[in-house]
Each structure stands twice: as C-alpha cells, then as structure tokens.
C-alpha cells in the first residue's frame, strides 16, 4: 500500500483562515439578531394565545428557541465555512487509492 499525500487545506493559510472566520463571525452576529427577534416573536405569540402564564414557561421557551436557532446556525455556518473555503476538497478519499487484491 503506497502512502498518498493529503492535500493542504486552504484554511492552513492564515489570511484565508482569517477571512473565513471573520465571515463566520459576521454570520453568527446576524443570526443572533434574528434569534432575538424570533424569541421576542415567540413571547408575543405565547402571550396572545394564552395570556400571562408562568414566567418559567417564558424563560424555558426563550431558552429553547434561542438554543435551537443558534445551534442550527452555528452548525450550518461551519458547513458553509468548510465548503466555501475549499476545505472539503482538501480531504482525500483513501478508498480510491486502494488496490483490489481480493
């Protein structure tokens, strides 16, 4: 079995990495604003539907909506970062280089 070189990732370059992470942070700031708007909207919808209920209910709802939205945006942001910088192409498929000796 021959050893193959794994191509370098574009994120190994400090300038490319700095640009990519700055774009990711900008996306996360934007999603934080959208998340706060959605949490506020969920409070309004809950108040219109049920009136004033327990404060614990509003806190739990706000935390759930906020956590879910920020987690989804963080993970999707990492997918965009990886794909947009060419990092995905730098990952080699070692199964393509294996000889069929079976």
PDB file of N, CA and C in Angstrom:
ATOM      1  N   UNK A   1       0.844  -1.169   0.000  1.00  0.00           N
ATOM      2  CA  UNK A   1       0.000   0.000   0.000  1.00  0.00           C
ATOM      3  C   UNK A   1       0.895   1.240   0.000  1.00  0.00           C
ATOM      4  N   UNK A   2       0.689   2.081  -0.974  1.00  0.00           N
ATOM      5  CA  UNK A   2       1.501   3.288  -1.101  1.00  0.00           C
ATOM      6  C   UNK A   2       0.878   4.407  -0.279  1.00  0.00           C
ATOM      7  N   UNK A   3       1.743   5.202   0.315  1.00  0.00           N
ATOM      8  CA  UNK A   3       1.272   6.346   1.070  1.00  0.00           C
ATOM      9  C   UNK A   3       0.967   7.486   0.114  1.00  0.00           C
ATOM     10  N   UNK A   4      -0.145   8.119   0.326  1.00  0.00           N
ATOM     11  CA  UNK A   4      -0.504   9.263  -0.511  1.00  0.00           C
ATOM     12  C   UNK A   4      -0.478  10.516   0.348  1.00  0.00           C
ATOM     13  N   UNK A   5      -0.140  11.608  -0.280  1.00  0.00           N
ATOM     14  CA  UNK A   5      -0.103  12.887   0.420  1.00  0.00           C
ATOM     15  C   UNK A   5      -1.509  13.473   0.457  1.00  0.00           C
ATOM     16  N   UNK A   6      -1.879  13.930   1.601  1.00  0.00           N
ATOM     17  CA  UNK A   6      -3.168  14.609   1.741  1.00  0.00           C
ATOM     18  C   UNK A   6      -2.946  16.066   1.376  1.00  0.00           C
ATOM     19  N   UNK A   7      -3.765  16.602   0.453  1.00  0.00           N
ATOM     20  CA  UNK A   7      -3.554  17.999   0.056  1.00  0.00           C
ATOM     21  C   UNK A   7      -3.759  18.951   1.230  1.00  0.00           C
ATOM     22  N   UNK A   8      -3.051  20.068   1.171  1.00  0.00           N
ATOM     23  CA  UNK A   8      -3.183  21.065   2.227  1.00  0.00           C
ATOM     24  C   UNK A   8      -4.526  21.767   2.106  1.00  0.00           C
ATOM     25  N   UNK A   9      -5.089  22.087   3.234  1.00  0.00           N
ATOM     26  CA  UNK A   9      -6.356  22.810   3.275  1.00  0.00           C
ATOM     27  C   UNK A   9      -6.106  24.295   3.052  1.00  0.00           C
ATOM     28  N   UNK A  10      -7.004  24.979   2.338  1.00  0.00           N
ATOM     29  CA  UNK A  10      -6.866  26.431   2.217  1.00  0.00           C
ATOM     30  C   UNK A  10      -6.927  27.141   3.565  1.00  0.00           C
ATOM     31  N   UNK A  11      -7.519  26.497   4.563  1.00  0.00           N
ATOM     32  CA  UNK A  11      -7.586  27.107   5.893  1.00  0.00           C
ATOM     33  C   UNK A  11      -6.240  27.075   6.614  1.00  0.00           C
ATOM     34  N   UNK A  12      -5.242  26.389   6.031  1.00  0.00           N
ATOM     35  CA  UNK A  12      -3.901  26.412   6.604  1.00  0.00           C
ATOM     36  C   UNK A  12      -3.228  27.762   6.365  1.00  0.00           C
ATOM     37  N   UNK A  13      -3.681  28.498   5.347  1.00  0.00           N
ATOM     38  CA  UNK A  13      -3.148  29.831   5.071  1.00  0.00           C
ATOM     39  C   UNK A  13      -3.781  30.817   6.054  1.00  0.00           C
ATOM     40  N   UNK A  14      -2.975  31.554   6.816  1.00  0.00           N
ATOM     41  CA  UNK A  14      -3.528  32.457   7.842  1.00  0.00           C
ATOM     42  C   UNK A  14      -4.456  33.536   7.287  1.00  0.00           C
ATOM     43  N   UNK A  15      -4.151  34.067   6.099  1.00  0.00           N
ATOM     44  CA  UNK A  15      -5.007  35.113   5.524  1.00  0.00           C
ATOM     45  C   UNK A  15      -6.369  34.559   5.129  1.00  0.00           C
ATOM     46  N   UNK A  16      -6.371  33.397   4.491  1.00  0.00           N
ATOM     47  CA  UNK A  16      -7.636  32.764   4.100  1.00  0.00           C
ATOM     48  C   UNK A  16      -8.440  32.381   5.335  1.00  0.00           C
ATOM     49  N   UNK A  17      -7.764  31.847   6.336  1.00  0.00           N
ATOM     50  CA  UNK A  17      -8.455  31.452   7.568  1.00  0.00           C
ATOM     51  C   UNK A  17      -9.041  32.665   8.284  1.00  0.00           C
ATOM     52  N   UNK A  18      -8.292  33.768   8.323  1.00  0.00           N
ATOM     53  CA  UNK A  18      -8.791  34.974   8.985  1.00  0.00           C
ATOM     54  C   UNK A  18     -10.022  35.512   8.269  1.00  0.00           C
ATOM     55  N   UNK A  19      -9.985  35.504   6.931  1.00  0.00           N
ATOM     56  CA  UNK A  19     -11.141  35.961   6.161  1.00  0.00           C
ATOM     57  C   UNK A  19     -12.352  35.051   6.393  1.00  0.00           C
ATOM     58  N   UNK A  20     -12.121  33.745   6.380  1.00  0.00           N
ATOM     59  CA  UNK A  20     -13.217  32.784   6.556  1.00  0.00           C
ATOM     60  C   UNK A  20     -13.835  32.903   7.952  1.00  0.00           C
ATOM     61  N   UNK A  21     -13.005  33.024   8.975  1.00  0.00           N
ATOM     62  CA  UNK A  21     -13.539  33.124  10.330  1.00  0.00           C
ATOM     63  C   UNK A  21     -14.233  34.463  10.569  1.00  0.00           C
ATOM     64  N   UNK A  22     -13.753  35.528   9.911  1.00  0.00           N
ATOM     65  CA  UNK A  22     -14.435  36.823  10.020  1.00  0.00           C
ATOM     66  C   UNK A  22     -15.819  36.736   9.395  1.00  0.00           C
ATOM     67  N   UNK A  23     -15.923  36.049   8.265  1.00  0.00           N
ATOM     68  CA  UNK A  23     -17.228  35.852   7.619  1.00  0.00           C
ATOM     69  C   UNK A  23     -18.155  35.016   8.509  1.00  0.00           C
ATOM     70  N   UNK A  24     -17.591  33.993   9.153  1.00  0.00           N
ATOM     71  CA  UNK A  24     -18.377  33.147  10.059  1.00  0.00           C
ATOM     72  C   UNK A  24     -18.892  33.964  11.247  1.00  0.00           C
ATOM     73  N   UNK A  25     -18.029  34.799  11.825  1.00  0.00           N
ATOM     74  CA  UNK A  25     -18.449  35.628  12.966  1.00  0.00           C
ATOM     75  C   UNK A  25     -19.509  36.632  12.558  1.00  0.00           C
ATOM     76  N   UNK A  26     -19.405  37.179  11.336  1.00  0.00           N
ATOM     77  CA  UNK A  26     -20.417  38.108  10.833  1.00  0.00           C
ATOM     78  C   UNK A  26     -21.759  37.383  10.664  1.00  0.00           C
ATOM     79  N   UNK A  27     -21.712  36.162  10.147  1.00  0.00           N
ATOM     80  CA  UNK A  27     -22.928  35.362  10.007  1.00  0.00           C
ATOM     81  C   UNK A  27     -23.552  35.079  11.368  1.00  0.00           C
ATOM     82  N   UNK A  28     -22.728  34.760  12.363  1.00  0.00           N
ATOM     83  CA  UNK A  28     -23.253  34.458  13.694  1.00  0.00           C
ATOM     84  C   UNK A  28     -23.840  35.698  14.367  1.00  0.00           C
ATOM     85  N   UNK A  29     -23.249  36.872  14.148  1.00  0.00           N
ATOM     86  CA  UNK A  29     -23.846  38.101  14.691  1.00  0.00           C
ATOM     87  C   UNK A  29     -25.212  38.354  14.058  1.00  0.00           C
ATOM     88  N   UNK A  30     -25.296  38.163  12.748  1.00  0.00           N
ATOM     89  CA  UNK A  30     -26.576  38.332  12.059  1.00  0.00           C
ATOM     90  C   UNK A  30     -27.608  37.340  12.601  1.00  0.00           C
ATOM     91  N   UNK A  31     -27.201  36.098  12.807  1.00  0.00           N
ATOM     92  CA  UNK A  31     -28.136  35.082  13.312  1.00  0.00           C
ATOM     93  C   UNK A  31     -28.521  35.351  14.764  1.00  0.00           C
ATOM     94  N   UNK A  32     -27.655  35.989  15.527  1.00  0.00           N
ATOM     95  CA  UNK A  32     -28.013  36.360  16.900  1.00  0.00           C
ATOM     96  C   UNK A  32     -29.139  37.382  16.885  1.00  0.00           C
ATOM     97  N   UNK A  33     -29.067  38.344  15.980  1.00  0.00           N
ATOM     98  CA  UNK A  33     -30.138  39.339  15.864  1.00  0.00           C
ATOM     99  C   UNK A  33     -31.443  38.664  15.445  1.00  0.00           C
ATOM    100  N   UNK A  34     -31.372  37.787  14.454  1.00  0.00           N
ATOM    101  CA  UNK A  34     -32.570  37.062  14.004  1.00  0.00           C
ATOM    102  C   UNK A  34     -33.125  36.205  15.139  1.00  0.00           C
ATOM    103  N   UNK A  35     -32.250  35.575  15.911  1.00  0.00           N
ATOM    104  CA  UNK A  35     -32.687  34.740  17.036  1.00  0.00           C
ATOM    105  C   UNK A  35     -33.405  35.575  18.088  1.00  0.00           C
ATOM    106  N   UNK A  36     -32.859  36.729  18.408  1.00  0.00           N
ATOM    107  CA  UNK A  36     -33.520  37.589  19.397  1.00  0.00           C
ATOM    108  C   UNK A  36     -34.894  38.044  18.901  1.00  0.00           C
ATOM    109  N   UNK A  37     -35.007  38.330  17.612  1.00  0.00           N
ATOM    110  CA  UNK A  37     -36.306  38.701  17.042  1.00  0.00           C
ATOM    111  C   UNK A  37     -37.276  37.526  17.137  1.00  0.00           C
ATOM    112  N   UNK A  38     -36.804  36.329  16.849  1.00  0.00           N
ATOM    113  CA  UNK A  38     -37.673  35.150  16.913  1.00  0.00           C
ATOM    114  C   UNK A  38     -38.087  34.823  18.348  1.00  0.00           C
ATOM    115  N   UNK A  39     -37.182  34.993  19.295  1.00  0.00           N
ATOM    116  CA  UNK A  39     -37.531  34.761  20.703  1.00  0.00           C
ATOM    117  C   UNK A  39     -38.593  35.773  21.134  1.00  0.00           C
ATOM    118  N   UNK A  40     -38.395  37.033  20.767  1.00  0.00           N
ATOM    119  CA  UNK A  40     -39.406  38.051  21.078  1.00  0.00           C
ATOM    120  C   UNK A  40     -40.736  37.739  20.410  1.00  0.00           C
ATOM    121  N   UNK A  41     -40.686  37.280  19.163  1.00  0.00           N
ATOM    122  CA  UNK A  41     -41.912  36.897  18.458  1.00  0.00           C
ATOM    123  C   UNK A  41     -42.611  35.726  19.112  1.00  0.00           C
ATOM    124  N   UNK A  42     -41.837  34.789  19.622  1.00  0.00           N
ATOM    125  CA  UNK A  42     -42.455  33.651  20.305  1.00  0.00           C
ATOM    126  C   UNK A  42     -43.114  34.096  21.614  1.00  0.00           C
ATOM    127  N   UNK A  43     -42.514  35.079  22.307  1.00  0.00           N
ATOM    128  CA  UNK A  43     -43.134  35.618  23.519  1.00  0.00           C
ATOM    129  C   UNK A  43     -44.464  36.289  23.189  1.00  0.00           C
ATOM    130  N   UNK A  44     -44.480  37.068  22.123  1.00  0.00           N
ATOM    131  CA  UNK A  44     -45.715  37.754  21.713  1.00  0.00           C
ATOM    132  C   UNK A  44     -46.785  36.735  21.342  1.00  0.00           C
ATOM    133  N   UNK A  45     -46.400  35.708  20.572  1.00  0.00           N
ATOM    134  CA  UNK A  45     -47.363  34.687  20.162  1.00  0.00           C
ATOM    135  C   UNK A  45     -47.907  33.933  21.377  1.00  0.00           C
ATOM    136  N   UNK A  46     -47.038  33.600  22.325  1.00  0.00           N
ATOM    137  CA  UNK A  46     -47.500  32.905  23.522  1.00  0.00           C
ATOM    138  C   UNK A  46     -48.435  33.784  24.347  1.00  0.00           C
ATOM    139  N   UNK A  47     -48.105  35.062  24.473  1.00  0.00           N
ATOM    140  CA  UNK A  47     -48.939  35.956  25.266  1.00  0.00           C
ATOM    141  C   UNK A  47     -50.315  36.143  24.612  1.00  0.00           C
ATOM    142  N   UNK A  48     -50.340  36.271  23.290  1.00  0.00           N
ATOM    143  CA  UNK A  48     -51.626  36.428  22.593  1.00  0.00           C
ATOM    144  C   UNK A  48     -52.466  35.167  22.681  1.00  0.00           C
ATOM    145  N   UNK A  49     -51.823  34.021  22.664  1.00  0.00           N
ATOM    146  CA  UNK A  49     -52.566  32.754  22.679  1.00  0.00           C
ATOM    147  C   UNK A  49     -53.061  32.393  24.080  1.00  0.00           C
ATOM    148  N   UNK A  50     -52.179  32.510  25.075  1.00  0.00           N
ATOM    149  CA  UNK A  50     -52.502  32.016  26.419  1.00  0.00           C
ATOM    150  C   UNK A  50     -52.567  33.097  27.485  1.00  0.00           C
ATOM    151  N   UNK A  51     -52.217  34.313  27.169  1.00  0.00           N
ATOM    152  CA  UNK A  51     -52.186  35.349  28.197  1.00  0.00           C
ATOM    153  C   UNK A  51     -50.940  35.183  29.050  1.00  0.00           C
ATOM    154  N   UNK A  52     -50.981  35.785  30.212  1.00  0.00           N
ATOM    155  CA  UNK A  52     -49.817  35.702  31.093  1.00  0.00           C
ATOM    156  C   UNK A  52     -49.828  34.379  31.833  1.00  0.00           C
ATOM    157  N   UNK A  53     -48.839  33.551  31.528  1.00  0.00           N
ATOM    158  CA  UNK A  53     -48.660  32.287  32.244  1.00  0.00           C
ATOM    159  C   UNK A  53     -47.405  32.414  33.093  1.00  0.00           C
ATOM    160  N   UNK A  54     -46.946  31.330  33.614  1.00  0.00           N
ATOM    161  CA  UNK A  54     -45.779  31.331  34.494  1.00  0.00           C
ATOM    162  C   UNK A  54     -44.554  31.928  33.783  1.00  0.00           C
ATOM    163  N   UNK A  55     -43.769  32.676  34.528  1.00  0.00           N
ATOM    164  CA  UNK A  55     -42.532  33.239  33.983  1.00  0.00           C
ATOM    165  C   UNK A  55     -41.567  32.129  33.587  1.00  0.00           C
ATOM    166  N   UNK A  56     -41.654  31.002  34.290  1.00  0.00           N
ATOM    167  CA  UNK A  56     -40.785  29.870  33.973  1.00  0.00           C
ATOM    168  C   UNK A  56     -41.066  29.348  32.566  1.00  0.00           C
ATOM    169  N   UNK A  57     -42.330  29.404  32.166  1.00  0.00           N
ATOM    170  CA  UNK A  57     -42.725  28.953  30.834  1.00  0.00           C
ATOM    171  C   UNK A  57     -42.076  29.839  29.764  1.00  0.00           C
ATOM    172  N   UNK A  58     -42.085  31.158  29.992  1.00  0.00           N
ATOM    173  CA  UNK A  58     -41.477  32.078  29.035  1.00  0.00           C
ATOM    174  C   UNK A  58     -39.952  31.911  28.994  1.00  0.00           C
ATOM    175  N   UNK A  59     -39.342  31.716  30.144  1.00  0.00           N
ATOM    176  CA  UNK A  59     -37.891  31.520  30.193  1.00  0.00           C
ATOM    177  C   UNK A  59     -37.514  30.231  29.462  1.00  0.00           C
ATOM    178  N   UNK A  60     -38.240  29.158  29.721  1.00  0.00           N
ATOM    179  CA  UNK A  60     -37.949  27.882  29.074  1.00  0.00           C
ATOM    180  C   UNK A  60     -38.155  27.982  27.562  1.00  0.00           C
ATOM    181  N   UNK A  61     -39.213  28.650  27.140  1.00  0.00           N
ATOM    182  CA  UNK A  61     -39.472  28.809  25.709  1.00  0.00           C
ATOM    183  C   UNK A  61     -38.389  29.644  25.054  1.00  0.00           C
ATOM    184  N   UNK A  62     -38.006  30.742  25.692  1.00  0.00           N
ATOM    185  CA  UNK A  62     -36.951  31.591  25.140  1.00  0.00           C
ATOM    186  C   UNK A  62     -35.626  30.863  25.028  1.00  0.00           C
ATOM    187  N   UNK A  63     -35.274  30.097  26.053  1.00  0.00           N
ATOM    188  CA  UNK A  63     -34.036  29.336  26.013  1.00  0.00           C
ATOM    189  C   UNK A  63     -34.075  28.261  24.932  1.00  0.00           C
ATOM    190  N   UNK A  64     -35.217  27.594  24.809  1.00  0.00           N
ATOM    191  CA  UNK A  64     -35.337  26.525  23.814  1.00  0.00           C
ATOM    192  C   UNK A  64     -35.242  27.079  22.398  1.00  0.00           C
ATOM    193  N   UNK A  65     -35.979  28.130  22.111  1.00  0.00           N
ATOM    194  CA  UNK A  65     -35.954  28.728  20.772  1.00  0.00           C
ATOM    195  C   UNK A  65     -34.567  29.297  20.487  1.00  0.00           C
ATOM    196  N   UNK A  66     -33.993  30.005  21.438  1.00  0.00           N
ATOM    197  CA  UNK A  66     -32.667  30.590  21.246  1.00  0.00           C
ATOM    198  C   UNK A  66     -31.587  29.550  21.048  1.00  0.00           C
ATOM    199  N   UNK A  67     -31.583  28.516  21.885  1.00  0.00           N
ATOM    200  CA  UNK A  67     -30.571  27.473  21.770  1.00  0.00           C
ATOM    201  C   UNK A  67     -30.695  26.730  20.448  1.00  0.00           C
ATOM    202  N   UNK A  68     -31.915  26.381  20.070  1.00  0.00           N
ATOM    203  CA  UNK A  68     -32.113  25.636  18.826  1.00  0.00           C
ATOM    204  C   UNK A  68     -31.663  26.450  17.617  1.00  0.00           C
ATOM    205  N   UNK A  69     -32.053  27.720  17.572  1.00  0.00           N
ATOM    206  CA  UNK A  69     -31.679  28.535  16.422  1.00  0.00           C
ATOM    207  C   UNK A  69     -30.181  28.787  16.359  1.00  0.00           C
ATOM    208  N   UNK A  70     -29.554  29.068  17.491  1.00  0.00           N
ATOM    209  CA  UNK A  70     -28.116  29.335  17.481  1.00  0.00           C
ATOM    210  C   UNK A  70     -27.303  28.076  17.179  1.00  0.00           C
ATOM    211  N   UNK A  71     -27.762  26.936  17.664  1.00  0.00           N
ATOM    212  CA  UNK A  71     -27.062  25.692  17.358  1.00  0.00           C
ATOM    213  C   UNK A  71     -27.157  25.380  15.869  1.00  0.00           C
ATOM    214  N   UNK A  72     -28.351  25.510  15.311  1.00  0.00           N
ATOM    215  CA  UNK A  72     -28.511  25.239  13.877  1.00  0.00           C
ATOM    216  C   UNK A  72     -27.699  26.215  13.035  1.00  0.00           C
ATOM    217  N   UNK A  73     -27.689  27.486  13.404  1.00  0.00           N
ATOM    218  CA  UNK A  73     -26.940  28.456  12.605  1.00  0.00           C
ATOM    219  C   UNK A  73     -25.435  28.247  12.760  1.00  0.00           C
ATOM    220  N   UNK A  74     -24.973  27.842  13.931  1.00  0.00           N
ATOM    221  CA  UNK A  74     -23.541  27.576  14.121  1.00  0.00           C
ATOM    222  C   UNK A  74     -23.097  26.385  13.276  1.00  0.00           C
ATOM    223  N   UNK A  75     -23.880  25.327  13.275  1.00  0.00           N
ATOM    224  CA  UNK A  75     -23.509  24.144  12.501  1.00  0.00           C
ATOM    225  C   UNK A  75     -23.577  24.410  10.999  1.00  0.00           C
ATOM    226  N   UNK A  76     -24.620  25.094  10.553  1.00  0.00           N
ATOM    227  CA  UNK A  76     -24.712  25.410   9.135  1.00  0.00           C
ATOM    228  C   UNK A  76     -23.621  26.399   8.736  1.00  0.00           C
ATOM    229  N   UNK A  77     -23.266  27.326   9.620  1.00  0.00           N
ATOM    230  CA  UNK A  77     -22.172  28.247   9.341  1.00  0.00           C
ATOM    231  C   UNK A  77     -20.854  27.515   9.156  1.00  0.00           C
ATOM    232  N   UNK A  78     -20.619  26.481   9.960  1.00  0.00           N
ATOM    233  CA  UNK A  78     -19.401  25.690   9.797  1.00  0.00           C
ATOM    234  C   UNK A  78     -19.405  24.921   8.484  1.00  0.00           C
ATOM    235  N   UNK A  79     -20.577  24.453   8.063  1.00  0.00           N
ATOM    236  CA  UNK A  79     -20.677  23.786   6.764  1.00  0.00           C
ATOM    237  C   UNK A  79     -20.344  24.774   5.653  1.00  0.00           C
ATOM    238  N   UNK A  80     -20.888  25.981   5.727  1.00  0.00           N
ATOM    239  CA  UNK A  80     -20.600  26.993   4.719  1.00  0.00           C
ATOM    240  C   UNK A  80     -19.124  27.384   4.733  1.00  0.00           C
ATOM    241  N   UNK A  81     -18.541  27.494   5.923  1.00  0.00           N
ATOM    242  CA  UNK A  81     -17.125  27.834   6.044  1.00  0.00           C
ATOM    243  C   UNK A  81     -16.268  26.763   5.388  1.00  0.00           C
ATOM    244  N   UNK A  82     -16.567  25.510   5.673  1.00  0.00           N
ATOM    245  CA  UNK A  82     -15.789  24.406   5.139  1.00  0.00           C
ATOM    246  C   UNK A  82     -15.926  24.312   3.623  1.00  0.00           C
ATOM    247  N   UNK A  83     -17.135  24.453   3.142  1.00  0.00           N
ATOM    248  CA  UNK A  83     -17.369  24.348   1.701  1.00  0.00           C
ATOM    249  C   UNK A  83     -16.865  25.577   0.955  1.00  0.00           C
ATOM    250  N   UNK A  84     -17.090  26.747   1.507  1.00  0.00           N
ATOM    251  CA  UNK A  84     -16.732  27.982   0.825  1.00  0.00           C
ATOM    252  C   UNK A  84     -15.240  28.229   0.708  1.00  0.00           C
ATOM    253  N   UNK A  85     -14.450  27.662   1.595  1.00  0.00           N
ATOM    254  CA  UNK A  85     -13.007  27.882   1.549  1.00  0.00           C
ATOM    255  C   UNK A  85     -12.281  26.811   0.751  1.00  0.00           C
ATOM    256  N   UNK A  86     -12.959  25.756   0.370  1.00  0.00           N
ATOM    257  CA  UNK A  86     -12.305  24.670  -0.342  1.00  0.00           C
ATOM    258  C   UNK A  86     -11.731  23.623   0.586  1.00  0.00           C
ATOM    259  N   UNK A  87     -12.045  23.727   1.866  1.00  0.00           N
ATOM    260  CA  UNK A  87     -11.528  22.758   2.838  1.00  0.00           C
ATOM    261  C   UNK A  87     -12.078  21.358   2.545  1.00  0.00           C
ATOM    262  N   UNK A  88     -13.299  21.267   2.031  1.00  0.00           N
ATOM    263  CA  UNK A  88     -13.889  19.963   1.725  1.00  0.00           C
ATOM    264  C   UNK A  88     -13.107  19.230   0.639  1.00  0.00           C
ATOM    265  N   UNK A  89     -12.615  19.972  -0.361  1.00  0.00           N
ATOM    266  CA  UNK A  89     -11.874  19.344  -1.448  1.00  0.00           C
ATOM    267  C   UNK A  89     -10.500  18.862  -1.002  1.00  0.00           C
ATOM    268  N   UNK A  90      -9.997  19.441   0.080  1.00  0.00           N
ATOM    269  CA  UNK A  90      -8.672  19.054   0.569  1.00  0.00           C
ATOM    270  C   UNK A  90      -8.689  17.713   1.290  1.00  0.00           C
ATOM    271  N   UNK A  91      -9.863  17.228   1.625  1.00  0.00           N
ATOM    272  CA  UNK A  91      -9.965  15.943   2.304  1.00  0.00           C
ATOM    273  C   UNK A  91      -9.930  14.850   1.242  1.00  0.00           C
ATOM    274  N   UNK A  92      -8.951  13.971   1.339  1.00  0.00           N
ATOM    275  CA  UNK A  92      -8.793  12.925   0.337  1.00  0.00           C
ATOM    276  C   UNK A  92      -9.597  11.685   0.672  1.00  0.00           C
ATOM    277  N   UNK A  93     -10.021  10.980  -0.357  1.00  0.00           N
ATOM    278  CA  UNK A  93     -10.724   9.710  -0.188  1.00  0.00           C
ATOM    279  C   UNK A  93      -9.713   8.592  -0.363  1.00  0.00           C
ATOM    280  N   UNK A  94      -9.273   8.000   0.730  1.00  0.00           N
ATOM    281  CA  UNK A  94      -8.244   6.980   0.683  1.00  0.00           C
ATOM    282  C   UNK A  94      -8.727   5.687   0.038  1.00  0.00           C
ATOM    283  N   UNK A  95     -10.034   5.483  -0.028  1.00  0.00           N
ATOM    284  CA  UNK A  95     -10.540   4.250  -0.613  1.00  0.00           C
ATOM    285  C   UNK A  95     -10.343   4.230  -2.121  1.00  0.00           C
ATOM    286  N   UNK A  96     -10.167   5.394  -2.766  1.00  0.00           N
ATOM    287  CA  UNK A  96      -9.935   5.434  -4.209  1.00  0.00           C
ATOM    288  C   UNK A  96      -8.568   4.891  -4.576  1.00  0.00           C
ATOM    289  N   UNK A  97      -7.606   4.963  -3.672  1.00  0.00           N
ATOM    290  CA  UNK A  97      -6.236   4.563  -3.969  1.00  0.00           C
ATOM    291  C   UNK A  97      -5.920   3.129  -3.600  1.00  0.00           C
ATOM    292  N   UNK A  98      -6.863   2.432  -2.999  1.00  0.00           N
ATOM    293  CA  UNK A  98      -6.607   1.054  -2.579  1.00  0.00           C
ATOM    294  C   UNK A  98      -6.641   0.128  -3.794  1.00  0.00           C
ATOM    295  N   UNK A  99      -5.715  -0.819  -3.831  1.00  0.00           N
ATOM    296  CA  UNK A  99      -5.716  -1.811  -4.908  1.00  0.00           C
ATOM    297  C   UNK A  99      -6.697  -2.905  -4.576  1.00  0.00           C
ATOM    298  N   UNK A 100      -7.344  -3.442  -5.592  1.00  0.00           N
ATOM    299  CA  UNK A 100      -8.285  -4.558  -5.385  1.00  0.00           C
ATOM    300  C   UNK A 100      -7.510  -5.855  -5.468  1.00  0.00           C
ATOM    301  N   UNK A 101      -6.994  -6.312  -4.351  1.00  0.00           N
ATOM    302  CA  UNK A 101      -6.242  -7.577  -4.294  1.00  0.00           C
ATOM    303  C   UNK A 101      -7.131  -8.736  -3.937  1.00  0.00           C
ATOM    304  N   UNK A 102      -8.407  -8.474  -3.656  1.00  0.00           N
ATOM    305  CA  UNK A 102      -9.309  -9.549  -3.221  1.00  0.00           C
ATOM    306  C   UNK A 102      -9.693 -10.445  -4.354  1.00  0.00           C
TER     307      UNK A 102
END
